[in-house]
Amino acid sequence: MTDWSVCSAEAVVTACLLEDSVLSKVFVIDDSVSVCVAVERMLGSQGFDVVWERDAITALQTVEKHLPDLVICDLVLPDISGYEVCQSLRGNPLLDNVPVLLISGNVDDAVRRRAKECDAAGVIAKPFTAELLVETVQATLGAVEPVLDEASWGGTPLVLRQQLTAELNFLSSLDYQFACVLDDEGRLVVATGRANPGTLPPTFRRELVNLGQLAMLAMGGPHGGKGGFRLTLETESGVRLVDDLGGGYLLTVALATSGSLGLTRFLMGKVGRSLAKILKTDSVVAPKGN
């Protein structure tokens, strides 16, 4: 375990963050405790992080806090239907790309048609086996192709996004996978590169932010203070370099190998100062609480 108490402002912390070991989070909504516990057991045994809520209204109020990779929702609930839950999630900029699987004891063509109309990823008939549930969840998550649409950019104004992207493009001489700026809630503010950073699972983005917050606390100030810390995260897919820009923003660059760390760090320092200046002089980039 990293001893955060000895971190300095220029600390380079190597963390074993194996992306495959970062749990996909599944949020279950069902008024039956037995169903919730059963799903938690079935998926938990396969390495999924499962949280559940019995009340749909409460679930819609708290789901943002969890930022799940997948939602499983019962079709028939006491307060609102699973269709309505799905429609509500589709109207949330932070969750509109999260797949929803509906579960029901009565699945017919009409149910499948309505599920498709509300943009659900599929319907599972109850009762279901652990094998069927796990296979369906894995297939659904594997089919997700996150896009960096307007909502995914956290509401960043177009002009500001263009300014930030222009600065990130100075990293184009590097052999990098992508570069992005995250806000203090793990949301993408701006990104560039060959690989689509939207494919980073929300759980991994949260890990980046959590590590950043721990580092700032270890240095005696809240995250988003004056900035200055640097992190190096080793993953199975390559290396993630993280610089604190101050104001609650992180610059992250993904490399396939560690061969160009020195040059990357040098250019990140120059680009980071420009990004920090833009973010400091403009208004809030990603609206909080939306």
Foldseek 3Di string as FASTA:
>chain_A
DDDLLPADLARADEDECALVLLAQEEEEEALDPVVQVVLCVLVVVVRHHYDYDDDLVVCLVCVLVVLGQAYEYEQDHDPDGPLVSLLSQCVQLSRVLRAYEYEYQDDDPVNQVSCVVSPHPYYHHPPDDSVVVVVVVVVSSVPRDFDCDCSQLLNFDPVLQVQLVVLVCVCVVDQFAKKFKAFLQLGTNYMDHNHDPRPRRSSVSNVVNVVQQSNQVSNPHGQQACWRYWYWYQYPQAIWIWGRLHNRMIMIIGHNYCPCVPVSVVSCVVSSPVNSVSCVPDDHGRDPPD
